[in-house]
Amino acid sequence: MAGRLRIGGENACPPEDVGGAPGYEEFLDALADLDNSEHDELKAWIGSSFDPTAFAVANANQRLTPEMF
């Protein structure tokens, strides 16, 4: 895929080891709910703020085609 760049996209990629699609959904639910029993543990695990709607074309291009950058 050399020479191709992404021009758009949406949403952040799930963190490593989140447990696939079902785990990511549970992760997002727990982060959004301060009363969730796993909220504090998951905030500590992620280590920083996490915006599930964040997307940066430049970052996606660099991660998917590092040889071009």
PDB file of N, CA and C in Angstrom:
ATOM      1  N   MET A   1       0.819  -1.178   0.000  1.00  0.00           N
ATOM      2  CA  MET A   1       0.000   0.000   0.000  1.00  0.00           C
ATOM      3  C   MET A   1       0.871   1.252   0.000  1.00  0.00           C
ATOM      4  N   ALA A   2       2.055   1.150  -0.467  1.00  0.00           N
ATOM      5  CA  ALA A   2       2.969   2.285  -0.489  1.00  0.00           C
ATOM      6  C   ALA A   2       2.383   3.424  -1.311  1.00  0.00           C
ATOM      7  N   GLY A   3       2.584   4.633  -0.817  1.00  0.00           N
ATOM      8  CA  GLY A   3       2.120   5.813  -1.526  1.00  0.00           C
ATOM      9  C   GLY A   3       0.674   6.198  -1.254  1.00  0.00           C
ATOM     10  N   ARG A   4      -0.023   5.425  -0.464  1.00  0.00           N
ATOM     11  CA  ARG A   4      -1.419   5.746  -0.161  1.00  0.00           C
ATOM     12  C   ARG A   4      -1.530   6.352   1.226  1.00  0.00           C
ATOM     13  N   LEU A   5      -2.365   7.356   1.343  1.00  0.00           N
ATOM     14  CA  LEU A   5      -2.584   8.016   2.620  1.00  0.00           C
ATOM     15  C   LEU A   5      -4.067   8.010   2.950  1.00  0.00           C
ATOM     16  N   ARG A   6      -4.362   7.978   4.222  1.00  0.00           N
ATOM     17  CA  ARG A   6      -5.742   8.108   4.667  1.00  0.00           C
ATOM     18  C   ARG A   6      -6.088   9.584   4.643  1.00  0.00           C
ATOM     19  N   ILE A   7      -7.310   9.900   4.275  1.00  0.00           N
ATOM     20  CA  ILE A   7      -7.718  11.308   4.238  1.00  0.00           C
ATOM     21  C   ILE A   7      -8.797  11.618   5.273  1.00  0.00           C
ATOM     22  N   GLY A   8      -9.234  10.594   5.996  1.00  0.00           N
ATOM     23  CA  GLY A   8     -10.247  10.820   7.010  1.00  0.00           C
ATOM     24  C   GLY A   8     -10.465   9.575   7.834  1.00  0.00           C
ATOM     25  N   GLY A   9     -11.294   9.708   8.813  1.00  0.00           N
ATOM     26  CA  GLY A   9     -11.625   8.597   9.702  1.00  0.00           C
ATOM     27  C   GLY A   9     -12.373   9.133  10.894  1.00  0.00           C
ATOM     28  N   GLU A  10     -12.696   8.249  11.788  1.00  0.00           N
ATOM     29  CA  GLU A  10     -13.374   8.694  12.999  1.00  0.00           C
ATOM     30  C   GLU A  10     -13.099   7.738  14.147  1.00  0.00           C
ATOM     31  N   ASN A  11     -13.060   8.295  15.304  1.00  0.00           N
ATOM     32  CA  ASN A  11     -12.913   7.600  16.583  1.00  0.00           C
ATOM     33  C   ASN A  11     -11.520   7.039  16.826  1.00  0.00           C
ATOM     34  N   ALA A  12     -11.210   6.970  18.104  1.00  0.00           N
ATOM     35  CA  ALA A  12      -9.908   6.477  18.545  1.00  0.00           C
ATOM     36  C   ALA A  12      -9.838   4.961  18.419  1.00  0.00           C
ATOM     37  N   CYS A  13      -8.663   4.480  18.294  1.00  0.00           N
ATOM     38  CA  CYS A  13      -8.445   3.039  18.271  1.00  0.00           C
ATOM     39  C   CYS A  13      -8.481   2.538  19.722  1.00  0.00           C
ATOM     40  N   PRO A  14      -9.012   1.344  19.933  1.00  0.00           N
ATOM     41  CA  PRO A  14      -9.070   0.810  21.298  1.00  0.00           C
ATOM     42  C   PRO A  14      -7.678   0.588  21.871  1.00  0.00           C
ATOM     43  N   PRO A  15      -7.528   0.717  23.176  1.00  0.00           N
ATOM     44  CA  PRO A  15      -6.242   0.413  23.802  1.00  0.00           C
ATOM     45  C   PRO A  15      -5.901  -1.072  23.641  1.00  0.00           C
ATOM     46  N   GLU A  16      -4.622  -1.383  23.678  1.00  0.00           N
ATOM     47  CA  GLU A  16      -4.191  -2.781  23.629  1.00  0.00           C
ATOM     48  C   GLU A  16      -4.792  -3.550  24.799  1.00  0.00           C
ATOM     49  N   ASP A  17      -5.081  -4.795  24.575  1.00  0.00           N
ATOM     50  CA  ASP A  17      -5.549  -5.719  25.619  1.00  0.00           C
ATOM     51  C   ASP A  17      -6.863  -5.301  26.276  1.00  0.00           C
ATOM     52  N   VAL A  18      -7.724  -4.613  25.533  1.00  0.00           N
ATOM     53  CA  VAL A  18      -8.999  -4.193  26.107  1.00  0.00           C
ATOM     54  C   VAL A  18     -10.048  -5.306  26.025  1.00  0.00           C
ATOM     55  N   GLY A  19      -9.790  -6.324  25.236  1.00  0.00           N
ATOM     56  CA  GLY A  19     -10.717  -7.450  25.186  1.00  0.00           C
ATOM     57  C   GLY A  19     -11.610  -7.484  23.964  1.00  0.00           C
ATOM     58  N   GLY A  20     -11.095  -6.999  22.843  1.00  0.00           N
ATOM     59  CA  GLY A  20     -11.881  -7.028  21.607  1.00  0.00           C
ATOM     60  C   GLY A  20     -13.048  -6.047  21.652  1.00  0.00           C
ATOM     61  N   ALA A  21     -13.971  -6.215  20.725  1.00  0.00           N
ATOM     62  CA  ALA A  21     -15.116  -5.296  20.627  1.00  0.00           C
ATOM     63  C   ALA A  21     -15.967  -5.291  21.896  1.00  0.00           C
ATOM     64  N   PRO A  22     -16.295  -6.462  22.470  1.00  0.00           N
ATOM     65  CA  PRO A  22     -17.100  -6.437  23.703  1.00  0.00           C
ATOM     66  C   PRO A  22     -16.362  -5.763  24.865  1.00  0.00           C
ATOM     67  N   GLY A  23     -15.058  -6.029  24.981  1.00  0.00           N
ATOM     68  CA  GLY A  23     -14.272  -5.411  26.045  1.00  0.00           C
ATOM     69  C   GLY A  23     -14.157  -3.909  25.875  1.00  0.00           C
ATOM     70  N   TYR A  24     -14.041  -3.460  24.627  1.00  0.00           N
ATOM     71  CA  TYR A  24     -13.953  -2.019  24.361  1.00  0.00           C
ATOM     72  C   TYR A  24     -15.262  -1.335  24.735  1.00  0.00           C
ATOM     73  N   GLU A  25     -16.374  -1.962  24.422  1.00  0.00           N
ATOM     74  CA  GLU A  25     -17.674  -1.394  24.792  1.00  0.00           C
ATOM     75  C   GLU A  25     -17.811  -1.287  26.310  1.00  0.00           C
ATOM     76  N   GLU A  26     -17.403  -2.331  27.028  1.00  0.00           N
ATOM     77  CA  GLU A  26     -17.446  -2.294  28.493  1.00  0.00           C
ATOM     78  C   GLU A  26     -16.496  -1.233  29.043  1.00  0.00           C
ATOM     79  N   PHE A  27     -15.323  -1.124  28.431  1.00  0.00           N
ATOM     80  CA  PHE A  27     -14.332  -0.122  28.820  1.00  0.00           C
ATOM     81  C   PHE A  27     -14.920   1.286  28.700  1.00  0.00           C
ATOM     82  N   LEU A  28     -15.539   1.584  27.552  1.00  0.00           N
ATOM     83  CA  LEU A  28     -16.136   2.908  27.337  1.00  0.00           C
ATOM     84  C   LEU A  28     -17.269   3.175  28.310  1.00  0.00           C
ATOM     85  N   ASP A  29     -18.097   2.167  28.554  1.00  0.00           N
ATOM     86  CA  ASP A  29     -19.202   2.322  29.514  1.00  0.00           C
ATOM     87  C   ASP A  29     -18.673   2.627  30.906  1.00  0.00           C
ATOM     88  N   ALA A  30     -17.636   1.902  31.317  1.00  0.00           N
ATOM     89  CA  ALA A  30     -17.066   2.107  32.659  1.00  0.00           C
ATOM     90  C   ALA A  30     -16.414   3.469  32.789  1.00  0.00           C
ATOM     91  N   LEU A  31     -15.727   3.931  31.762  1.00  0.00           N
ATOM     92  CA  LEU A  31     -15.090   5.252  31.825  1.00  0.00           C
ATOM     93  C   LEU A  31     -16.126   6.369  31.890  1.00  0.00           C
ATOM     94  N   ALA A  32     -17.251   6.169  31.245  1.00  0.00           N
ATOM     95  CA  ALA A  32     -18.288   7.202  31.206  1.00  0.00           C
ATOM     96  C   ALA A  32     -19.125   7.252  32.486  1.00  0.00           C
ATOM     97  N   ASP A  33     -19.058   6.197  33.298  1.00  0.00           N
ATOM     98  CA  ASP A  33     -19.905   6.090  34.490  1.00  0.00           C
ATOM     99  C   ASP A  33     -19.050   6.141  35.752  1.00  0.00           C
ATOM    100  N   LEU A  34     -19.067   7.283  36.424  1.00  0.00           N
ATOM    101  CA  LEU A  34     -18.269   7.442  37.645  1.00  0.00           C
ATOM    102  C   LEU A  34     -18.653   6.447  38.732  1.00  0.00           C
ATOM    103  N   ASP A  35     -19.870   5.926  38.695  1.00  0.00           N
ATOM    104  CA  ASP A  35     -20.328   4.967  39.698  1.00  0.00           C
ATOM    105  C   ASP A  35     -20.009   3.519  39.336  1.00  0.00           C
ATOM    106  N   ASN A  36     -19.466   3.292  38.162  1.00  0.00           N
ATOM    107  CA  ASN A  36     -19.111   1.933  37.751  1.00  0.00           C
ATOM    108  C   ASN A  36     -17.984   1.432  38.653  1.00  0.00           C
ATOM    109  N   SER A  37     -18.095   0.189  39.096  1.00  0.00           N
ATOM    110  CA  SER A  37     -17.102  -0.360  40.026  1.00  0.00           C
ATOM    111  C   SER A  37     -15.700  -0.451  39.413  1.00  0.00           C
ATOM    112  N   GLU A  38     -15.588  -0.446  38.095  1.00  0.00           N
ATOM    113  CA  GLU A  38     -14.277  -0.543  37.444  1.00  0.00           C
ATOM    114  C   GLU A  38     -13.756   0.806  36.948  1.00  0.00           C
ATOM    115  N   HIS A  39     -14.509   1.880  37.160  1.00  0.00           N
ATOM    116  CA  HIS A  39     -14.136   3.191  36.627  1.00  0.00           C
ATOM    117  C   HIS A  39     -12.719   3.608  37.048  1.00  0.00           C
ATOM    118  N   ASP A  40     -12.464   3.633  38.343  1.00  0.00           N
ATOM    119  CA  ASP A  40     -11.159   4.101  38.838  1.00  0.00           C
ATOM    120  C   ASP A  40     -10.018   3.189  38.382  1.00  0.00           C
ATOM    121  N   GLU A  41     -10.248   1.893  38.400  1.00  0.00           N
ATOM    122  CA  GLU A  41      -9.216   0.943  37.980  1.00  0.00           C
ATOM    123  C   GLU A  41      -8.875   1.134  36.500  1.00  0.00           C
ATOM    124  N   LEU A  42      -9.889   1.316  35.658  1.00  0.00           N
ATOM    125  CA  LEU A  42      -9.640   1.502  34.227  1.00  0.00           C
ATOM    126  C   LEU A  42      -8.985   2.851  33.933  1.00  0.00           C
ATOM    127  N   LYS A  43      -9.355   3.888  34.679  1.00  0.00           N
ATOM    128  CA  LYS A  43      -8.687   5.186  34.513  1.00  0.00           C
ATOM    129  C   LYS A  43      -7.204   5.056  34.841  1.00  0.00           C
ATOM    130  N   ALA A  44      -6.885   4.317  35.889  1.00  0.00           N
ATOM    131  CA  ALA A  44      -5.476   4.108  36.253  1.00  0.00           C
ATOM    132  C   ALA A  44      -4.776   3.250  35.201  1.00  0.00           C
ATOM    133  N   TRP A  45      -5.463   2.243  34.676  1.00  0.00           N
ATOM    134  CA  TRP A  45      -4.879   1.351  33.677  1.00  0.00           C
ATOM    135  C   TRP A  45      -4.549   2.094  32.385  1.00  0.00           C
ATOM    136  N   ILE A  46      -5.459   2.970  31.935  1.00  0.00           N
ATOM    137  CA  ILE A  46      -5.230   3.691  30.681  1.00  0.00           C
ATOM    138  C   ILE A  46      -4.113   4.726  30.852  1.00  0.00           C
ATOM    139  N   GLY A  47      -3.937   5.211  32.092  1.00  0.00           N
ATOM    140  CA  GLY A  47      -2.793   6.062  32.396  1.00  0.00           C
ATOM    141  C   GLY A  47      -2.913   7.515  31.988  1.00  0.00           C
ATOM    142  N   SER A  48      -3.944   7.877  31.264  1.00  0.00           N
ATOM    143  CA  SER A  48      -4.141   9.266  30.855  1.00  0.00           C
ATOM    144  C   SER A  48      -5.603   9.433  30.454  1.00  0.00           C
ATOM    145  N   SER A  49      -5.934  10.630  30.068  1.00  0.00           N
ATOM    146  CA  SER A  49      -7.301  10.823  29.600  1.00  0.00           C
ATOM    147  C   SER A  49      -7.471  10.071  28.282  1.00  0.00           C
ATOM    148  N   PHE A  50      -8.670   9.614  28.031  1.00  0.00           N
ATOM    149  CA  PHE A  50      -8.945   8.863  26.812  1.00  0.00           C
ATOM    150  C   PHE A  50     -10.201   9.434  26.173  1.00  0.00           C
ATOM    151  N   ASP A  51     -10.056   9.924  24.967  1.00  0.00           N
ATOM    152  CA  ASP A  51     -11.188  10.476  24.227  1.00  0.00           C
ATOM    153  C   ASP A  51     -11.547   9.494  23.114  1.00  0.00           C
ATOM    154  N   PRO A  52     -12.655   8.755  23.267  1.00  0.00           N
ATOM    155  CA  PRO A  52     -13.009   7.757  22.261  1.00  0.00           C
ATOM    156  C   PRO A  52     -13.389   8.358  20.905  1.00  0.00           C
ATOM    157  N   THR A  53     -13.630   9.661  20.858  1.00  0.00           N
ATOM    158  CA  THR A  53     -13.992  10.303  19.585  1.00  0.00           C
ATOM    159  C   THR A  53     -12.793  10.945  18.893  1.00  0.00           C
ATOM    160  N   ALA A  54     -11.628  10.870  19.522  1.00  0.00           N
ATOM    161  CA  ALA A  54     -10.435  11.495  18.946  1.00  0.00           C
ATOM    162  C   ALA A  54      -9.975  10.738  17.708  1.00  0.00           C
ATOM    163  N   PHE A  55      -9.556  11.488  16.693  1.00  0.00           N
ATOM    164  CA  PHE A  55      -8.970  10.891  15.500  1.00  0.00           C
ATOM    165  C   PHE A  55      -8.087  11.935  14.844  1.00  0.00           C
ATOM    166  N   ALA A  56      -6.876  11.544  14.514  1.00  0.00           N
ATOM    167  CA  ALA A  56      -5.938  12.426  13.823  1.00  0.00           C
ATOM    168  C   ALA A  56      -5.424  11.704  12.587  1.00  0.00           C
ATOM    169  N   VAL A  57      -5.728  12.245  11.427  1.00  0.00           N
ATOM    170  CA  VAL A  57      -5.326  11.624  10.162  1.00  0.00           C
ATOM    171  C   VAL A  57      -3.809  11.425  10.117  1.00  0.00           C
ATOM    172  N   ALA A  58      -3.058  12.410  10.525  1.00  0.00           N
ATOM    173  CA  ALA A  58      -1.595  12.304  10.482  1.00  0.00           C
ATOM    174  C   ALA A  58      -1.092  11.148  11.344  1.00  0.00           C
ATOM    175  N   ASN A  59      -1.667  10.985  12.533  1.00  0.00           N
ATOM    176  CA  ASN A  59      -1.263   9.874  13.400  1.00  0.00           C
ATOM    177  C   ASN A  59      -1.621   8.531  12.779  1.00  0.00           C
ATOM    178  N   ALA A  60      -2.804   8.436  12.193  1.00  0.00           N
ATOM    179  CA  ALA A  60      -3.217   7.184  11.544  1.00  0.00           C
ATOM    180  C   ALA A  60      -2.283   6.842  10.394  1.00  0.00           C
ATOM    181  N   ASN A  61      -1.950   7.823   9.582  1.00  0.00           N
ATOM    182  CA  ASN A  61      -1.037   7.576   8.475  1.00  0.00           C
ATOM    183  C   ASN A  61       0.328   7.121   8.965  1.00  0.00           C
ATOM    184  N   GLN A  62       0.819   7.747   9.996  1.00  0.00           N
ATOM    185  CA  GLN A  62       2.138   7.387  10.527  1.00  0.00           C
ATOM    186  C   GLN A  62       2.135   5.989  11.115  1.00  0.00           C
ATOM    187  N   ARG A  63       1.054   5.614  11.817  1.00  0.00           N
ATOM    188  CA  ARG A  63       0.991   4.282  12.426  1.00  0.00           C
ATOM    189  C   ARG A  63       0.805   3.198  11.395  1.00  0.00           C
ATOM    190  N   LEU A  64       0.076   3.482  10.322  1.00  0.00           N
ATOM    191  CA  LEU A  64      -0.222   2.460   9.331  1.00  0.00           C
ATOM    192  C   LEU A  64       0.810   2.360   8.222  1.00  0.00           C
ATOM    193  N   THR A  65       1.565   3.434   7.985  1.00  0.00           N
ATOM    194  CA  THR A  65       2.602   3.411   6.955  1.00  0.00           C
ATOM    195  C   THR A  65       3.851   4.121   7.464  1.00  0.00           C
ATOM    196  N   PRO A  66       4.465   3.587   8.526  1.00  0.00           N
ATOM    197  CA  PRO A  66       5.619   4.282   9.137  1.00  0.00           C
ATOM    198  C   PRO A  66       6.785   4.459   8.184  1.00  0.00           C
ATOM    199  N   GLU A  67       6.926   3.601   7.180  1.00  0.00           N
ATOM    200  CA  GLU A  67       8.058   3.721   6.259  1.00  0.00           C
ATOM    201  C   GLU A  67       7.995   4.996   5.440  1.00  0.00           C
ATOM    202  N   MET A  68       6.826   5.618   5.342  1.00  0.00           N
ATOM    203  CA  MET A  68       6.677   6.847   4.572  1.00  0.00           C
ATOM    204  C   MET A  68       7.039   8.090   5.373  1.00  0.00           C
ATOM    205  N   PHE A  69       7.156   7.949   6.704  1.00  0.00           N
ATOM    206  CA  PHE A  69       7.351   9.130   7.540  1.00  0.00           C
ATOM    207  C   PHE A  69       8.690   9.127   8.210  1.00  0.00           C
TER     208      PHE A  69
END
